[in-house]
Amino acid sequence: MHDPRKTNGPFTEGLARILPADETDVAEAALDRHYGSRRRLYEGIGSKLGVQTVYIEITPIKGTFEGHAA
């Protein structure tokens, strides 16, 4: 099983942005496909506790992979 605390490949620089509400449907669908009922349970508990979901898009910057010049 994949350990999310471990790196899967080379490091790279990237740009991140918080998705506005009108762009979160695709992110939520992808997370739901991957995590399914576990995510829905987690989200349900979080909602009851007042936790707000924030979606962050990270885009790699071309030419910045570890070991390669930018």
N, C-alpha and C. Protein backbone atom coordinates (compact mmCIF):
# COMPACT_ATOMS: atom_id res chain seq x y z
N MET A 1 0.84 -1.18 0.00
CA MET A 1 0.00 0.00 0.00
C MET A 1 0.89 1.25 0.00
N HIS A 2 0.44 2.27 -0.69
CA HIS A 2 1.19 3.52 -0.78
C HIS A 2 1.22 4.24 0.56
N ASP A 3 2.38 4.69 0.97
CA ASP A 3 2.54 5.46 2.19
C ASP A 3 2.63 6.94 1.81
N PRO A 4 1.58 7.75 2.09
CA PRO A 4 1.58 9.15 1.66
C PRO A 4 2.66 10.00 2.32
N ARG A 5 3.32 9.48 3.34
CA ARG A 5 4.39 10.24 3.99
C ARG A 5 5.70 10.11 3.25
N LYS A 6 5.75 9.21 2.26
CA LYS A 6 6.98 8.99 1.51
C LYS A 6 6.87 9.59 0.12
N THR A 7 7.99 9.98 -0.42
CA THR A 7 8.05 10.58 -1.74
C THR A 7 7.91 9.52 -2.81
N ASN A 8 7.17 9.84 -3.87
CA ASN A 8 6.99 8.91 -4.98
C ASN A 8 7.94 9.15 -6.12
N GLY A 9 8.56 10.29 -6.19
CA GLY A 9 9.42 10.62 -7.31
C GLY A 9 10.28 11.82 -6.99
N PRO A 10 10.84 12.42 -8.01
CA PRO A 10 11.73 13.56 -7.79
C PRO A 10 10.96 14.79 -7.31
N PHE A 11 11.65 15.64 -6.58
CA PHE A 11 11.05 16.89 -6.13
C PHE A 11 11.02 17.87 -7.29
N THR A 12 10.06 18.76 -7.26
CA THR A 12 9.97 19.81 -8.27
C THR A 12 9.35 21.05 -7.63
N GLU A 13 9.62 22.19 -8.20
CA GLU A 13 8.98 23.41 -7.75
C GLU A 13 7.61 23.48 -8.39
N GLY A 14 6.72 24.21 -7.75
CA GLY A 14 5.38 24.33 -8.29
C GLY A 14 4.72 25.60 -7.82
N LEU A 15 3.58 25.88 -8.42
CA LEU A 15 2.75 27.01 -8.04
C LEU A 15 1.48 26.45 -7.43
N ALA A 16 1.03 27.04 -6.35
CA ALA A 16 -0.18 26.59 -5.68
C ALA A 16 -1.19 27.73 -5.62
N ARG A 17 -2.45 27.34 -5.69
CA ARG A 17 -3.52 28.32 -5.52
C ARG A 17 -4.70 27.65 -4.86
N ILE A 18 -5.44 28.42 -4.10
CA ILE A 18 -6.67 27.93 -3.48
C ILE A 18 -7.77 28.04 -4.54
N LEU A 19 -8.47 26.93 -4.76
CA LEU A 19 -9.52 26.95 -5.77
C LEU A 19 -10.74 27.72 -5.28
N PRO A 20 -11.29 28.57 -6.16
CA PRO A 20 -12.55 29.24 -5.81
C PRO A 20 -13.70 28.22 -5.82
N ALA A 21 -14.78 28.55 -5.16
CA ALA A 21 -15.90 27.62 -5.00
C ALA A 21 -16.42 27.07 -6.33
N ASP A 22 -16.39 27.87 -7.39
CA ASP A 22 -16.92 27.39 -8.67
C ASP A 22 -15.99 26.42 -9.38
N GLU A 23 -14.82 26.12 -8.82
CA GLU A 23 -13.89 25.17 -9.43
C GLU A 23 -13.66 23.92 -8.57
N THR A 24 -14.43 23.74 -7.52
CA THR A 24 -14.17 22.63 -6.60
C THR A 24 -14.86 21.32 -6.97
N ASP A 25 -15.82 21.34 -7.89
CA ASP A 25 -16.55 20.11 -8.23
C ASP A 25 -15.64 19.01 -8.78
N VAL A 26 -14.70 19.38 -9.65
CA VAL A 26 -13.80 18.39 -10.24
C VAL A 26 -12.89 17.80 -9.16
N ALA A 27 -12.38 18.65 -8.27
CA ALA A 27 -11.52 18.18 -7.19
C ALA A 27 -12.28 17.24 -6.26
N GLU A 28 -13.49 17.61 -5.90
CA GLU A 28 -14.29 16.78 -5.01
C GLU A 28 -14.61 15.43 -5.66
N ALA A 29 -14.92 15.43 -6.95
CA ALA A 29 -15.22 14.18 -7.64
C ALA A 29 -14.00 13.25 -7.67
N ALA A 30 -12.82 13.82 -7.90
CA ALA A 30 -11.59 13.02 -7.92
C ALA A 30 -11.31 12.42 -6.55
N LEU A 31 -11.48 13.21 -5.51
CA LEU A 31 -11.25 12.71 -4.15
C LEU A 31 -12.28 11.64 -3.79
N ASP A 32 -13.53 11.84 -4.21
CA ASP A 32 -14.57 10.87 -3.92
C ASP A 32 -14.29 9.54 -4.63
N ARG A 33 -13.82 9.61 -5.89
CA ARG A 33 -13.49 8.38 -6.61
C ARG A 33 -12.36 7.62 -5.91
N HIS A 34 -11.39 8.36 -5.41
CA HIS A 34 -10.23 7.71 -4.79
C HIS A 34 -10.53 7.19 -3.38
N TYR A 35 -11.21 8.00 -2.56
CA TYR A 35 -11.41 7.65 -1.15
C TYR A 35 -12.81 7.12 -0.82
N GLY A 36 -13.80 7.41 -1.66
CA GLY A 36 -15.15 6.89 -1.48
C GLY A 36 -15.78 7.18 -0.13
N SER A 37 -16.34 6.12 0.47
CA SER A 37 -17.11 6.29 1.71
C SER A 37 -16.26 6.77 2.88
N ARG A 38 -14.96 6.43 2.87
CA ARG A 38 -14.09 6.92 3.96
C ARG A 38 -14.05 8.44 3.96
N ARG A 39 -13.94 9.05 2.77
CA ARG A 39 -13.91 10.51 2.67
C ARG A 39 -15.26 11.11 3.07
N ARG A 40 -16.34 10.51 2.62
CA ARG A 40 -17.67 11.04 2.97
C ARG A 40 -17.88 11.01 4.48
N LEU A 41 -17.42 9.95 5.14
CA LEU A 41 -17.52 9.87 6.60
C LEU A 41 -16.69 10.98 7.24
N TYR A 42 -15.46 11.12 6.79
CA TYR A 42 -14.56 12.16 7.31
C TYR A 42 -15.16 13.55 7.10
N GLU A 43 -15.68 13.81 5.90
CA GLU A 43 -16.28 15.11 5.59
C GLU A 43 -17.52 15.36 6.44
N GLY A 44 -18.32 14.33 6.65
CA GLY A 44 -19.52 14.48 7.48
C GLY A 44 -19.18 14.86 8.91
N ILE A 45 -18.18 14.21 9.47
CA ILE A 45 -17.74 14.54 10.83
C ILE A 45 -17.17 15.95 10.86
N GLY A 46 -16.34 16.28 9.87
CA GLY A 46 -15.75 17.61 9.81
C GLY A 46 -16.79 18.71 9.72
N SER A 47 -17.83 18.48 8.93
CA SER A 47 -18.90 19.47 8.78
C SER A 47 -19.61 19.71 10.11
N LYS A 48 -19.86 18.63 10.85
CA LYS A 48 -20.52 18.77 12.15
C LYS A 48 -19.65 19.54 13.14
N LEU A 49 -18.34 19.47 12.95
CA LEU A 49 -17.41 20.18 13.83
C LEU A 49 -17.11 21.59 13.33
N GLY A 50 -17.68 21.97 12.19
CA GLY A 50 -17.46 23.30 11.65
C GLY A 50 -16.17 23.45 10.84
N VAL A 51 -15.60 22.34 10.40
CA VAL A 51 -14.38 22.38 9.62
C VAL A 51 -14.72 22.75 8.18
N GLN A 52 -14.04 23.74 7.63
CA GLN A 52 -14.27 24.17 6.26
C GLN A 52 -13.26 23.49 5.34
N THR A 53 -13.74 22.95 4.22
CA THR A 53 -12.86 22.30 3.25
C THR A 53 -12.26 23.34 2.33
N VAL A 54 -10.96 23.23 2.09
CA VAL A 54 -10.26 24.11 1.17
C VAL A 54 -9.54 23.22 0.17
N TYR A 55 -9.67 23.54 -1.11
CA TYR A 55 -9.02 22.78 -2.16
C TYR A 55 -7.84 23.57 -2.69
N ILE A 56 -6.68 22.91 -2.78
CA ILE A 56 -5.46 23.57 -3.26
C ILE A 56 -5.00 22.85 -4.52
N GLU A 57 -4.82 23.62 -5.58
CA GLU A 57 -4.30 23.09 -6.84
C GLU A 57 -2.80 23.38 -6.88
N ILE A 58 -2.00 22.36 -7.15
CA ILE A 58 -0.55 22.53 -7.26
C ILE A 58 -0.15 22.14 -8.68
N THR A 59 0.49 23.07 -9.37
CA THR A 59 0.93 22.85 -10.75
C THR A 59 2.45 22.89 -10.78
N PRO A 60 3.10 21.82 -11.26
CA PRO A 60 4.56 21.83 -11.33
C PRO A 60 5.06 22.87 -12.34
N ILE A 61 6.21 23.45 -12.03
CA ILE A 61 6.85 24.38 -12.95
C ILE A 61 7.76 23.57 -13.85
N LYS A 62 7.56 23.67 -15.14
CA LYS A 62 8.36 22.88 -16.10
C LYS A 62 9.85 23.17 -15.94
N GLY A 63 10.65 22.12 -16.06
CA GLY A 63 12.09 22.27 -16.03
C GLY A 63 12.70 22.38 -14.64
N THR A 64 11.92 22.12 -13.58
CA THR A 64 12.46 22.26 -12.23
C THR A 64 12.56 20.94 -11.49
N PHE A 65 12.46 19.82 -12.19
CA PHE A 65 12.58 18.54 -11.50
C PHE A 65 13.98 18.39 -10.93
N GLU A 66 14.06 17.77 -9.76
CA GLU A 66 15.33 17.58 -9.07
C GLU A 66 16.35 16.94 -10.02
N GLY A 67 17.53 17.52 -10.04
CA GLY A 67 18.60 16.98 -10.86
C GLY A 67 18.63 17.55 -12.27
N HIS A 68 17.68 18.43 -12.58
CA HIS A 68 17.64 19.03 -13.90
C HIS A 68 17.63 20.55 -13.76
N ALA A 69 18.30 21.23 -14.63
CA ALA A 69 18.33 22.70 -14.61
C ALA A 69 16.99 23.25 -15.02
N ALA A 70 16.67 24.41 -14.49
CA ALA A 70 15.41 25.08 -14.83
C ALA A 70 15.47 25.70 -16.21
